Amino acid sequence: AVHALRLLVAFQVGSLMREFHSPAFRGEDESAVREREE
């Protein structure tokens, strides 16, 4: 149970921190997406 808890916490911390700092979270237009794809 403790191992599972720490695994779930690590996943949530990592995914949310990445989401907070991603360009998509802050908002961006389609031109930025096209530029990144290119």
Full PDB file with SEQRES, HELIX, SHEET, SSBOND, CRYST1, ORIGX, SCALE, CONECT and MASTER records, all heavy atoms in Angstrom:
SEQRES   1 A   38  ALA VAL HIS ALA LEU ARG LEU LEU VAL ALA PHE GLN VAL          
SEQRES   2 A   38  GLY SER LEU MET ARG GLU PHE HIS SER PRO ALA PHE ARG          
SEQRES   3 A   38  GLY GLU ASP GLU SER ALA VAL ARG GLU ARG GLU GLU              
HELIX    1 AA1 VAL A    2  HIS A   21  1                                  20    
HELIX    2 AA2 PRO A   23  ARG A   26  1                                   4    
HELIX    3 AA3 GLU A   30  GLU A   37  1                                   8    
CRYST1    1.000    1.000    1.000  90.00  90.00  90.00 P 1           1          
ORIGX1      1.000000  0.000000  0.000000        0.00000                         
ORIGX2      0.000000  1.000000  0.000000        0.00000                         
ORIGX3      0.000000  0.000000  1.000000        0.00000                         
SCALE1      1.000000  0.000000  0.000000        0.00000                         
SCALE2      0.000000  1.000000  0.000000        0.00000                         
SCALE3      0.000000  0.000000  1.000000        0.00000                         
ATOM      1  N   ALA A   1       0.839  -1.200   0.000  1.00  0.00           N  
ATOM      2  CA  ALA A   1       0.000   0.000   0.000  1.00  0.00           C  
ATOM      3  C   ALA A   1       0.875   1.252   0.000  1.00  0.00           C  
ATOM      4  O   ALA A   1       0.595   2.226  -0.710  1.00  0.00           O  
ATOM      5  CB  ALA A   1      -0.930  -0.001   1.208  1.00  0.00           C  
ATOM      6  N   VAL A   2       1.948   1.229   0.779  1.00  0.00           N  
ATOM      7  CA  VAL A   2       2.862   2.370   0.827  1.00  0.00           C  
ATOM      8  C   VAL A   2       3.589   2.524  -0.505  1.00  0.00           C  
ATOM      9  O   VAL A   2       3.734   3.644  -1.026  1.00  0.00           O  
ATOM     10  CB  VAL A   2       3.866   2.213   1.984  1.00  0.00           C  
ATOM     11  CG1 VAL A   2       4.938   3.309   1.921  1.00  0.00           C  
ATOM     12  CG2 VAL A   2       3.145   2.262   3.323  1.00  0.00           C  
ATOM     13  N   HIS A   3       4.053   1.414  -1.079  1.00  0.00           N  
ATOM     14  CA  HIS A   3       4.717   1.475  -2.392  1.00  0.00           C  
ATOM     15  C   HIS A   3       3.760   2.041  -3.445  1.00  0.00           C  
ATOM     16  O   HIS A   3       4.149   2.885  -4.269  1.00  0.00           O  
ATOM     17  CB  HIS A   3       5.181   0.080  -2.822  1.00  0.00           C  
ATOM     18  CG  HIS A   3       6.326  -0.458  -2.026  1.00  0.00           C  
ATOM     19  ND1 HIS A   3       7.382   0.319  -1.622  1.00  0.00           N  
ATOM     20  CD2 HIS A   3       6.575  -1.719  -1.568  1.00  0.00           C  
ATOM     21  CE1 HIS A   3       8.248  -0.431  -0.939  1.00  0.00           C  
ATOM     22  NE2 HIS A   3       7.768  -1.661  -0.887  1.00  0.00           N  
ATOM     23  N   ALA A   4       2.516   1.562  -3.433  1.00  0.00           N  
ATOM     24  CA  ALA A   4       1.528   2.019  -4.410  1.00  0.00           C  
ATOM     25  C   ALA A   4       1.239   3.508  -4.236  1.00  0.00           C  
ATOM     26  O   ALA A   4       1.139   4.250  -5.223  1.00  0.00           O  
ATOM     27  CB  ALA A   4       0.238   1.216  -4.264  1.00  0.00           C  
ATOM     28  N   LEU A   5       1.117   3.938  -2.990  1.00  0.00           N  
ATOM     29  CA  LEU A   5       0.874   5.351  -2.720  1.00  0.00           C  
ATOM     30  C   LEU A   5       1.991   6.208  -3.301  1.00  0.00           C  
ATOM     31  O   LEU A   5       1.732   7.213  -4.000  1.00  0.00           O  
ATOM     32  CB  LEU A   5       0.784   5.581  -1.214  1.00  0.00           C  
ATOM     33  CG  LEU A   5       0.800   7.049  -0.774  1.00  0.00           C  
ATOM     34  CD1 LEU A   5      -0.508   7.731  -1.133  1.00  0.00           C  
ATOM     35  CD2 LEU A   5       1.088   7.164   0.718  1.00  0.00           C  
ATOM     36  N   ARG A   6       3.241   5.829  -3.036  1.00  0.00           N  
ATOM     37  CA  ARG A   6       4.372   6.633  -3.507  1.00  0.00           C  
ATOM     38  C   ARG A   6       4.462   6.619  -5.033  1.00  0.00           C  
ATOM     39  O   ARG A   6       4.853   7.626  -5.650  1.00  0.00           O  
ATOM     40  CB  ARG A   6       5.659   6.117  -2.871  1.00  0.00           C  
ATOM     41  CG  ARG A   6       5.744   6.461  -1.381  1.00  0.00           C  
ATOM     42  CD  ARG A   6       6.912   5.837  -0.679  1.00  0.00           C  
ATOM     43  NE  ARG A   6       6.984   6.301   0.707  1.00  0.00           N  
ATOM     44  CZ  ARG A   6       7.639   5.668   1.664  1.00  0.00           C  
ATOM     45  NH1 ARG A   6       8.294   4.546   1.385  1.00  0.00           N  
ATOM     46  NH2 ARG A   6       7.653   6.149   2.898  1.00  0.00           N  
ATOM     47  N   LEU A   7       4.105   5.505  -5.639  1.00  0.00           N  
ATOM     48  CA  LEU A   7       4.081   5.436  -7.095  1.00  0.00           C  
ATOM     49  C   LEU A   7       3.040   6.398  -7.665  1.00  0.00           C  
ATOM     50  O   LEU A   7       3.310   7.147  -8.619  1.00  0.00           O  
ATOM     51  CB  LEU A   7       3.763   4.002  -7.534  1.00  0.00           C  
ATOM     52  CG  LEU A   7       3.664   3.749  -9.043  1.00  0.00           C  
ATOM     53  CD1 LEU A   7       5.005   3.994  -9.706  1.00  0.00           C  
ATOM     54  CD2 LEU A   7       3.202   2.311  -9.298  1.00  0.00           C  
ATOM     55  N   LEU A   8       1.851   6.411  -7.067  1.00  0.00           N  
ATOM     56  CA  LEU A   8       0.782   7.294  -7.534  1.00  0.00           C  
ATOM     57  C   LEU A   8       1.136   8.763  -7.297  1.00  0.00           C  
ATOM     58  O   LEU A   8       0.860   9.616  -8.148  1.00  0.00           O  
ATOM     59  CB  LEU A   8      -0.526   6.938  -6.820  1.00  0.00           C  
ATOM     60  CG  LEU A   8      -1.118   5.579  -7.206  1.00  0.00           C  
ATOM     61  CD1 LEU A   8      -2.165   5.138  -6.182  1.00  0.00           C  
ATOM     62  CD2 LEU A   8      -1.735   5.645  -8.605  1.00  0.00           C  
ATOM     63  N   VAL A   9       1.753   9.064  -6.152  1.00  0.00           N  
ATOM     64  CA  VAL A   9       2.160  10.438  -5.862  1.00  0.00           C  
ATOM     65  C   VAL A   9       3.205  10.904  -6.872  1.00  0.00           C  
ATOM     66  O   VAL A   9       3.130  12.022  -7.398  1.00  0.00           O  
ATOM     67  CB  VAL A   9       2.703  10.555  -4.426  1.00  0.00           C  
ATOM     68  CG1 VAL A   9       3.403  11.898  -4.215  1.00  0.00           C  
ATOM     69  CG2 VAL A   9       1.576  10.383  -3.403  1.00  0.00           C  
ATOM     70  N   ALA A  10       4.187  10.043  -7.159  1.00  0.00           N  
ATOM     71  CA  ALA A  10       5.232  10.410  -8.114  1.00  0.00           C  
ATOM     72  C   ALA A  10       4.636  10.694  -9.492  1.00  0.00           C  
ATOM     73  O   ALA A  10       5.039  11.652 -10.175  1.00  0.00           O  
ATOM     74  CB  ALA A  10       6.270   9.287  -8.202  1.00  0.00           C  
ATOM     75  N   PHE A  11       3.666   9.868  -9.899  1.00  0.00           N  
ATOM     76  CA  PHE A  11       3.014  10.085 -11.192  1.00  0.00           C  
ATOM     77  C   PHE A  11       2.275  11.417 -11.217  1.00  0.00           C  
ATOM     78  O   PHE A  11       2.392  12.196 -12.171  1.00  0.00           O  
ATOM     79  CB  PHE A  11       2.047   8.937 -11.490  1.00  0.00           C  
ATOM     80  CG  PHE A  11       1.087   9.238 -12.609  1.00  0.00           C  
ATOM     81  CD1 PHE A  11       1.533   9.317 -13.913  1.00  0.00           C  
ATOM     82  CD2 PHE A  11      -0.260   9.474 -12.345  1.00  0.00           C  
ATOM     83  CE1 PHE A  11       0.656   9.631 -14.954  1.00  0.00           C  
ATOM     84  CE2 PHE A  11      -1.138   9.776 -13.366  1.00  0.00           C  
ATOM     85  CZ  PHE A  11      -0.682   9.855 -14.674  1.00  0.00           C  
ATOM     86  N   GLN A  12       1.518  11.695 -10.157  1.00  0.00           N  
ATOM     87  CA  GLN A  12       0.731  12.930 -10.138  1.00  0.00           C  
ATOM     88  C   GLN A  12       1.623  14.168 -10.078  1.00  0.00           C  
ATOM     89  O   GLN A  12       1.375  15.161 -10.768  1.00  0.00           O  
ATOM     90  CB  GLN A  12      -0.232  12.921  -8.953  1.00  0.00           C  
ATOM     91  CG  GLN A  12      -1.351  11.907  -9.125  1.00  0.00           C  
ATOM     92  CD  GLN A  12      -2.420  12.069  -8.070  1.00  0.00           C  
ATOM     93  OE1 GLN A  12      -3.395  12.782  -8.252  1.00  0.00           O  
ATOM     94  NE2 GLN A  12      -2.239  11.401  -6.943  1.00  0.00           N  
ATOM     95  N   VAL A  13       2.668  14.118  -9.254  1.00  0.00           N  
ATOM     96  CA  VAL A  13       3.582  15.253  -9.162  1.00  0.00           C  
ATOM     97  C   VAL A  13       4.236  15.519 -10.514  1.00  0.00           C  
ATOM     98  O   VAL A  13       4.252  16.658 -11.004  1.00  0.00           O  
ATOM     99  CB  VAL A  13       4.656  15.010  -8.083  1.00  0.00           C  
ATOM    100  CG1 VAL A  13       5.750  16.076  -8.165  1.00  0.00           C  
ATOM    101  CG2 VAL A  13       4.029  15.008  -6.691  1.00  0.00           C  
ATOM    102  N   GLY A  14       4.760  14.468 -11.130  1.00  0.00           N  
ATOM    103  CA  GLY A  14       5.432  14.633 -12.409  1.00  0.00           C  
ATOM    104  C   GLY A  14       4.515  15.136 -13.506  1.00  0.00           C  
ATOM    105  O   GLY A  14       4.855  16.074 -14.245  1.00  0.00           O  
ATOM    106  N   SER A  15       3.333  14.540 -13.621  1.00  0.00           N  
ATOM    107  CA  SER A  15       2.422  14.916 -14.699  1.00  0.00           C  
ATOM    108  C   SER A  15       1.867  16.323 -14.504  1.00  0.00           C  
ATOM    109  O   SER A  15       1.752  17.097 -15.466  1.00  0.00           O  
ATOM    110  CB  SER A  15       1.277  13.905 -14.817  1.00  0.00           C  
ATOM    111  OG  SER A  15       0.506  13.865 -13.635  1.00  0.00           O  
ATOM    112  N   LEU A  16       1.551  16.687 -13.261  1.00  0.00           N  
ATOM    113  CA  LEU A  16       1.004  18.019 -13.016  1.00  0.00           C  
ATOM    114  C   LEU A  16       2.062  19.111 -13.162  1.00  0.00           C  
ATOM    115  O   LEU A  16       1.785  20.186 -13.703  1.00  0.00           O  
ATOM    116  CB  LEU A  16       0.366  18.082 -11.627  1.00  0.00           C  
ATOM    117  CG  LEU A  16      -1.012  17.419 -11.526  1.00  0.00           C  
ATOM    118  CD1 LEU A  16      -1.440  17.297 -10.071  1.00  0.00           C  
ATOM    119  CD2 LEU A  16      -2.049  18.207 -12.320  1.00  0.00           C  
ATOM    120  N   MET A  17       3.270  18.845 -12.687  1.00  0.00           N  
ATOM    121  CA  MET A  17       4.331  19.837 -12.859  1.00  0.00           C  
ATOM    122  C   MET A  17       4.606  20.074 -14.340  1.00  0.00           C  
ATOM    123  O   MET A  17       4.818  21.213 -14.779  1.00  0.00           O  
ATOM    124  CB  MET A  17       5.598  19.377 -12.136  1.00  0.00           C  
ATOM    125  CG  MET A  17       5.500  19.401 -10.621  1.00  0.00           C  
ATOM    126  SD  MET A  17       5.345  21.068  -9.937  1.00  0.00           S  
ATOM    127  CE  MET A  17       7.055  21.601 -10.001  1.00  0.00           C  
ATOM    128  N   ARG A  18       4.602  19.013 -15.115  1.00  0.00           N  
ATOM    129  CA  ARG A  18       4.810  19.155 -16.561  1.00  0.00           C  
ATOM    130  C   ARG A  18       3.654  19.937 -17.180  1.00  0.00           C  
ATOM    131  O   ARG A  18       3.854  20.788 -18.049  1.00  0.00           O  
ATOM    132  CB  ARG A  18       4.919  17.774 -17.207  1.00  0.00           C  
ATOM    133  CG  ARG A  18       5.214  17.821 -18.702  1.00  0.00           C  
ATOM    134  CD  ARG A  18       5.533  16.434 -19.232  1.00  0.00           C  
ATOM    135  NE  ARG A  18       5.911  16.475 -20.636  1.00  0.00           N  
ATOM    136  CZ  ARG A  18       5.060  16.364 -21.643  1.00  0.00           C  
ATOM    137  NH1 ARG A  18       3.773  16.196 -21.387  1.00  0.00           N  
ATOM    138  NH2 ARG A  18       5.481  16.405 -22.891  1.00  0.00           N  
ATOM    139  N   GLU A  19       2.432  19.640 -16.725  1.00  0.00           N  
ATOM    140  CA  GLU A  19       1.271  20.338 -17.262  1.00  0.00           C  
ATOM    141  C   GLU A  19       1.297  21.826 -16.924  1.00  0.00           C  
ATOM    142  O   GLU A  19       0.984  22.672 -17.760  1.00  0.00           O  
ATOM    143  CB  GLU A  19      -0.005  19.704 -16.704  1.00  0.00           C  
ATOM    144  CG  GLU A  19      -1.297  20.261 -17.280  1.00  0.00           C  
ATOM    145  CD  GLU A  19      -2.510  19.431 -16.939  1.00  0.00           C  
ATOM    146  OE1 GLU A  19      -2.352  18.365 -16.321  1.00  0.00           O  
ATOM    147  OE2 GLU A  19      -3.621  19.872 -17.295  1.00  0.00           O  
ATOM    148  N   PHE A  20       1.691  22.156 -15.691  1.00  0.00           N  
ATOM    149  CA  PHE A  20       1.746  23.560 -15.283  1.00  0.00           C  
ATOM    150  C   PHE A  20       2.681  24.368 -16.163  1.00  0.00           C  
ATOM    151  O   PHE A  20       2.446  25.558 -16.408  1.00  0.00           O  
ATOM    152  CB  PHE A  20       2.230  23.682 -13.828  1.00  0.00           C  
ATOM    153  CG  PHE A  20       1.240  23.187 -12.803  1.00  0.00           C  
ATOM    154  CD1 PHE A  20       1.669  22.764 -11.560  1.00  0.00           C  
ATOM    155  CD2 PHE A  20      -0.116  23.148 -13.082  1.00  0.00           C  
ATOM    156  CE1 PHE A  20       0.767  22.333 -10.604  1.00  0.00           C  
ATOM    157  CE2 PHE A  20      -1.029  22.703 -12.141  1.00  0.00           C  
ATOM    158  CZ  PHE A  20      -0.587  22.294 -10.895  1.00  0.00           C  
ATOM    159  N   HIS A  21       3.761  23.740 -16.626  1.00  0.00           N  
ATOM    160  CA  HIS A  21       4.801  24.477 -17.350  1.00  0.00           C  
ATOM    161  C   HIS A  21       4.748  24.257 -18.864  1.00  0.00           C  
ATOM    162  O   HIS A  21       5.637  24.743 -19.576  1.00  0.00           O  
ATOM    163  CB  HIS A  21       6.180  24.078 -16.821  1.00  0.00           C  
ATOM    164  CG  HIS A  21       6.420  24.525 -15.411  1.00  0.00           C  
ATOM    165  ND1 HIS A  21       6.741  25.818 -15.086  1.00  0.00           N  
ATOM    166  CD2 HIS A  21       6.347  23.850 -14.233  1.00  0.00           C  
ATOM    167  CE1 HIS A  21       6.874  25.927 -13.775  1.00  0.00           C  
ATOM    168  NE2 HIS A  21       6.643  24.748 -13.239  1.00  0.00           N  
ATOM    169  N   SER A  22       3.755  23.560 -19.349  1.00  0.00           N  
ATOM    170  CA  SER A  22       3.682  23.307 -20.784  1.00  0.00           C  
ATOM    171  C   SER A  22       3.086  24.503 -21.510  1.00  0.00           C  
ATOM    172  O   SER A  22       2.253  25.219 -20.964  1.00  0.00           O  
ATOM    173  CB  SER A  22       2.828  22.066 -21.060  1.00  0.00           C  
ATOM    174  OG  SER A  22       1.452  22.361 -20.868  1.00  0.00           O  
ATOM    175  N   PRO A  23       3.508  24.749 -22.753  1.00  0.00           N  
ATOM    176  CA  PRO A  23       2.939  25.861 -23.524  1.00  0.00           C  
ATOM    177  C   PRO A  23       1.436  25.714 -23.709  1.00  0.00           C  
ATOM    178  O   PRO A  23       0.711  26.702 -23.700  1.00  0.00           O  
ATOM    179  CB  PRO A  23       3.681  25.766 -24.871  1.00  0.00           C  
ATOM    180  CG  PRO A  23       4.949  25.054 -24.551  1.00  0.00           C  
ATOM    181  CD  PRO A  23       4.584  24.063 -23.477  1.00  0.00           C  
ATOM    182  N   ALA A  24       0.957  24.462 -23.871  1.00  0.00           N  
ATOM    183  CA  ALA A  24      -0.469  24.242 -24.093  1.00  0.00           C  
ATOM    184  C   ALA A  24      -1.292  24.678 -22.895  1.00  0.00           C  
ATOM    185  O   ALA A  24      -2.411  25.164 -23.030  1.00  0.00           O  
ATOM    186  CB  ALA A  24      -0.734  22.762 -24.394  1.00  0.00           C  
ATOM    187  N   PHE A  25      -0.743  24.521 -21.688  1.00  0.00           N  
ATOM    188  CA  PHE A  25      -1.466  24.918 -20.484  1.00  0.00           C  
ATOM    189  C   PHE A  25      -1.579  26.436 -20.403  1.00  0.00           C  
ATOM    190  O   PHE A  25      -2.606  26.980 -20.020  1.00  0.00           O  
ATOM    191  CB  PHE A  25      -0.750  24.386 -19.237  1.00  0.00           C  
ATOM    192  CG  PHE A  25      -1.450  24.724 -17.948  1.00  0.00           C  
ATOM    193  CD1 PHE A  25      -2.564  24.004 -17.548  1.00  0.00           C  
ATOM    194  CD2 PHE A  25      -1.017  25.762 -17.155  1.00  0.00           C  
ATOM    195  CE1 PHE A  25      -3.223  24.309 -16.379  1.00  0.00           C  
ATOM    196  CE2 PHE A  25      -1.665  26.073 -15.979  1.00  0.00           C  
ATOM    197  CZ  PHE A  25      -2.771  25.348 -15.589  1.00  0.00           C  
ATOM    198  N   ARG A  26      -0.531  27.135 -20.790  1.00  0.00           N  
ATOM    199  CA  ARG A  26      -0.535  28.594 -20.728  1.00  0.00           C  
ATOM    200  C   ARG A  26      -1.360  29.198 -21.851  1.00  0.00           C  
ATOM    201  O   ARG A  26      -1.733  30.365 -21.802  1.00  0.00           O  
ATOM    202  CB  ARG A  26       0.898  29.128 -20.787  1.00  0.00           C  
ATOM    203  CG  ARG A  26       1.746  28.742 -19.575  1.00  0.00           C  
ATOM    204  CD  ARG A  26       3.039  29.531 -19.547  1.00  0.00           C  
ATOM    205  NE  ARG A  26       3.864  29.249 -20.708  1.00  0.00           N  
ATOM    206  CZ  ARG A  26       4.770  28.286 -20.744  1.00  0.00           C  
ATOM    207  NH1 ARG A  26       4.931  27.486 -19.701  1.00  0.00           N  
ATOM    208  NH2 ARG A  26       5.509  28.096 -21.818  1.00  0.00           N  
ATOM    209  N   GLY A  27      -1.656  28.406 -22.871  1.00  0.00           N  
ATOM    210  CA  GLY A  27      -2.432  28.909 -23.997  1.00  0.00           C  
ATOM    211  C   GLY A  27      -1.525  29.313 -25.150  1.00  0.00           C  
ATOM    212  O   GLY A  27      -0.571  30.060 -24.964  1.00  0.00           O  
ATOM    213  N   GLU A  28      -1.818  28.819 -26.331  1.00  0.00           N  
ATOM    214  CA  GLU A  28      -1.014  29.173 -27.494  1.00  0.00           C  
ATOM    215  C   GLU A  28      -1.871  29.042 -28.728  1.00  0.00           C  
ATOM    216  O   GLU A  28      -2.864  28.299 -28.748  1.00  0.00           O  
ATOM    217  CB  GLU A  28       0.216  28.266 -27.607  1.00  0.00           C  
ATOM    218  CG  GLU A  28      -0.112  26.794 -27.724  1.00  0.00           C  
ATOM    219  CD  GLU A  28       1.130  25.924 -27.815  1.00  0.00           C  
ATOM    220  OE1 GLU A  28       2.236  26.472 -27.837  1.00  0.00           O  
ATOM    221  OE2 GLU A  28       0.970  24.706 -27.863  1.00  0.00           O  
ATOM    222  N   ASP A  29      -1.523  29.751 -29.792  1.00  0.00           N  
ATOM    223  CA  ASP A  29      -2.311  29.703 -31.010  1.00  0.00           C  
ATOM    224  C   ASP A  29      -1.827  28.573 -31.914  1.00  0.00           C  
ATOM    225  O   ASP A  29      -0.808  27.926 -31.664  1.00  0.00           O  
ATOM    226  CB  ASP A  29      -2.277  31.045 -31.746  1.00  0.00           C  
ATOM    227  CG  ASP A  29      -0.849  31.516 -32.021  1.00  0.00           C  
ATOM    228  OD1 ASP A  29       0.029  30.659 -32.223  1.00  0.00           O  
ATOM    229  OD2 ASP A  29      -0.624  32.743 -32.029  1.00  0.00           O  
ATOM    230  N   GLU A  30      -2.564  28.357 -32.981  1.00  0.00           N  
ATOM    231  CA  GLU A  30      -2.253  27.251 -33.888  1.00  0.00           C  
ATOM    232  C   GLU A  30      -0.907  27.440 -34.577  1.00  0.00           C  
ATOM    233  O   GLU A  30      -0.248  26.464 -34.923  1.00  0.00           O  
ATOM    234  CB  GLU A  30      -3.369  27.111 -34.924  1.00  0.00           C  
ATOM    235  CG  GLU A  30      -4.701  26.653 -34.337  1.00  0.00           C  
ATOM    236  CD  GLU A  30      -5.750  26.451 -35.406  1.00  0.00           C  
ATOM    237  OE1 GLU A  30      -5.410  26.632 -36.603  1.00  0.00           O  
ATOM    238  OE2 GLU A  30      -6.900  26.128 -35.051  1.00  0.00           O  
ATOM    239  N   SER A  31      -0.520  28.677 -34.774  1.00  0.00           N  
ATOM    240  CA  SER A  31       0.763  28.921 -35.448  1.00  0.00           C  
ATOM    241  C   SER A  31       1.929  28.388 -34.622  1.00  0.00           C  
ATOM    242  O   SER A  31       2.914  27.879 -35.174  1.00  0.00           O  
ATOM    243  CB  SER A  31       0.949  30.421 -35.707  1.00  0.00           C  
ATOM    244  OG  SER A  31       0.997  31.151 -34.490  1.00  0.00           O  
ATOM    245  N   ALA A  32       1.823  28.470 -33.294  1.00  0.00           N  
ATOM    246  CA  ALA A  32       2.878  27.950 -32.425  1.00  0.00           C  
ATOM    247  C   ALA A  32       2.963  26.432 -32.532  1.00  0.00           C  
ATOM    248  O   ALA A  32       4.053  25.850 -32.518  1.00  0.00           O  
ATOM    249  CB  ALA A  32       2.629  28.365 -30.980  1.00  0.00           C  
ATOM    250  N   VAL A  33       1.807  25.777 -32.639  1.00  0.00           N  
ATOM    251  CA  VAL A  33       1.775  24.327 -32.788  1.00  0.00           C  
ATOM    252  C   VAL A  33       2.401  23.925 -34.121  1.00  0.00           C  
ATOM    253  O   VAL A  33       3.209  22.991 -34.198  1.00  0.00           O  
ATOM    254  CB  VAL A  33       0.326  23.798 -32.695  1.00  0.00           C  
ATOM    255  CG1 VAL A  33       0.290  22.292 -32.961  1.00  0.00           C  
ATOM    256  CG2 VAL A  33      -0.262  24.104 -31.324  1.00  0.00           C  
ATOM    257  N   ARG A  34       2.054  24.651 -35.179  1.00  0.00           N  
ATOM    258  CA  ARG A  34       2.621  24.349 -36.504  1.00  0.00           C  
ATOM    259  C   ARG A  34       4.129  24.539 -36.508  1.00  0.00           C  
ATOM    260  O   ARG A  34       4.869  23.742 -37.086  1.00  0.00           O  
ATOM    261  CB  ARG A  34       1.964  25.231 -37.569  1.00  0.00           C  
ATOM    262  CG  ARG A  34       0.529  24.864 -37.898  1.00  0.00           C  
ATOM    263  CD  ARG A  34       0.100  25.506 -39.199  1.00  0.00           C  
ATOM    264  NE  ARG A  34       0.169  26.957 -39.120  1.00  0.00           N  
ATOM    265  CZ  ARG A  34      -0.838  27.743 -38.712  1.00  0.00           C  
ATOM    266  NH1 ARG A  34      -1.984  27.187 -38.324  1.00  0.00           N  
ATOM    267  NH2 ARG A  34      -0.711  29.050 -38.686  1.00  0.00           N  
ATOM    268  N   GLU A  35       4.580  25.593 -35.858  1.00  0.00           N  
ATOM    269  CA  GLU A  35       6.017  25.855 -35.803  1.00  0.00           C  
ATOM    270  C   GLU A  35       6.746  24.735 -35.071  1.00  0.00           C  
ATOM    271  O   GLU A  35       7.819  24.285 -35.496  1.00  0.00           O  
ATOM    272  CB  GLU A  35       6.278  27.187 -35.106  1.00  0.00           C  
ATOM    273  CG  GLU A  35       7.755  27.557 -35.024  1.00  0.00           C  
ATOM    274  CD  GLU A  35       7.975  28.891 -34.347  1.00  0.00           C  
ATOM    275  OE1 GLU A  35       6.972  29.598 -34.086  1.00  0.00           O  
ATOM    276  OE2 GLU A  35       9.148  29.221 -34.064  1.00  0.00           O  
ATOM    277  N   ARG A  36       6.152  24.264 -33.953  1.00  0.00           N  
ATOM    278  CA  ARG A  36       6.769  23.173 -33.198  1.00  0.00           C  
ATOM    279  C   ARG A  36       6.785  21.887 -34.028  1.00  0.00           C  
ATOM    280  O   ARG A  36       7.769  21.143 -34.021  1.00  0.00           O  
ATOM    281  CB  ARG A  36       6.025  22.958 -31.881  1.00  0.00           C  
ATOM    282  CG  ARG A  36       6.701  21.959 -30.971  1.00  0.00           C  
ATOM    283  CD  ARG A  36       6.262  22.106 -29.525  1.00  0.00           C  
ATOM    284  NE  ARG A  36       4.831  21.971 -29.364  1.00  0.00           N  
ATOM    285  CZ  ARG A  36       4.006  22.968 -29.033  1.00  0.00           C  
ATOM    286  NH1 ARG A  36       4.490  24.195 -28.861  1.00  0.00           N  
ATOM    287  NH2 ARG A  36       2.716  22.776 -28.882  1.00  0.00           N  
ATOM    288  N   GLU A  37       5.698  21.642 -34.755  1.00  0.00           N  
ATOM    289  CA  GLU A  37       5.644  20.444 -35.600  1.00  0.00           C  
ATOM    290  C   GLU A  37       6.711  20.499 -36.687  1.00  0.00           C  
ATOM    291  O   GLU A  37       7.388  19.495 -36.965  1.00  0.00           O  
ATOM    292  CB  GLU A  37       4.256  20.321 -36.234  1.00  0.00           C  
ATOM    293  CG  GLU A  37       4.115  19.098 -37.124  1.00  0.00           C  
ATOM    294  CD  GLU A  37       2.729  18.966 -37.724  1.00  0.00           C  
ATOM    295  OE1 GLU A  37       1.786  19.622 -37.222  1.00  0.00           O  
ATOM    296  OE2 GLU A  37       2.581  18.203 -38.706  1.00  0.00           O  
ATOM    297  N   GLU A  38       6.884  21.650 -37.312  1.00  0.00           N  
ATOM    298  CA  GLU A  38       7.898  21.793 -38.360  1.00  0.00           C  
ATOM    299  C   GLU A  38       9.300  21.592 -37.795  1.00  0.00           C  
ATOM    300  O   GLU A  38      10.158  20.969 -38.431  1.00  0.00           O  
ATOM    301  CB  GLU A  38       7.778  23.178 -38.999  1.00  0.00           C  
ATOM    302  CG  GLU A  38       6.502  23.362 -39.816  1.00  0.00           C  
ATOM    303  CD  GLU A  38       6.311  24.797 -40.276  1.00  0.00           C  
ATOM    304  OE1 GLU A  38       7.179  25.645 -39.933  1.00  0.00           O  
ATOM    305  OE2 GLU A  38       5.310  25.070 -40.946  1.00  0.00           O  
TER     306      GLU A  38                                                      
MASTER        0    0    0    3    0    0    0    6  305    1    0    3          
END                                                                             
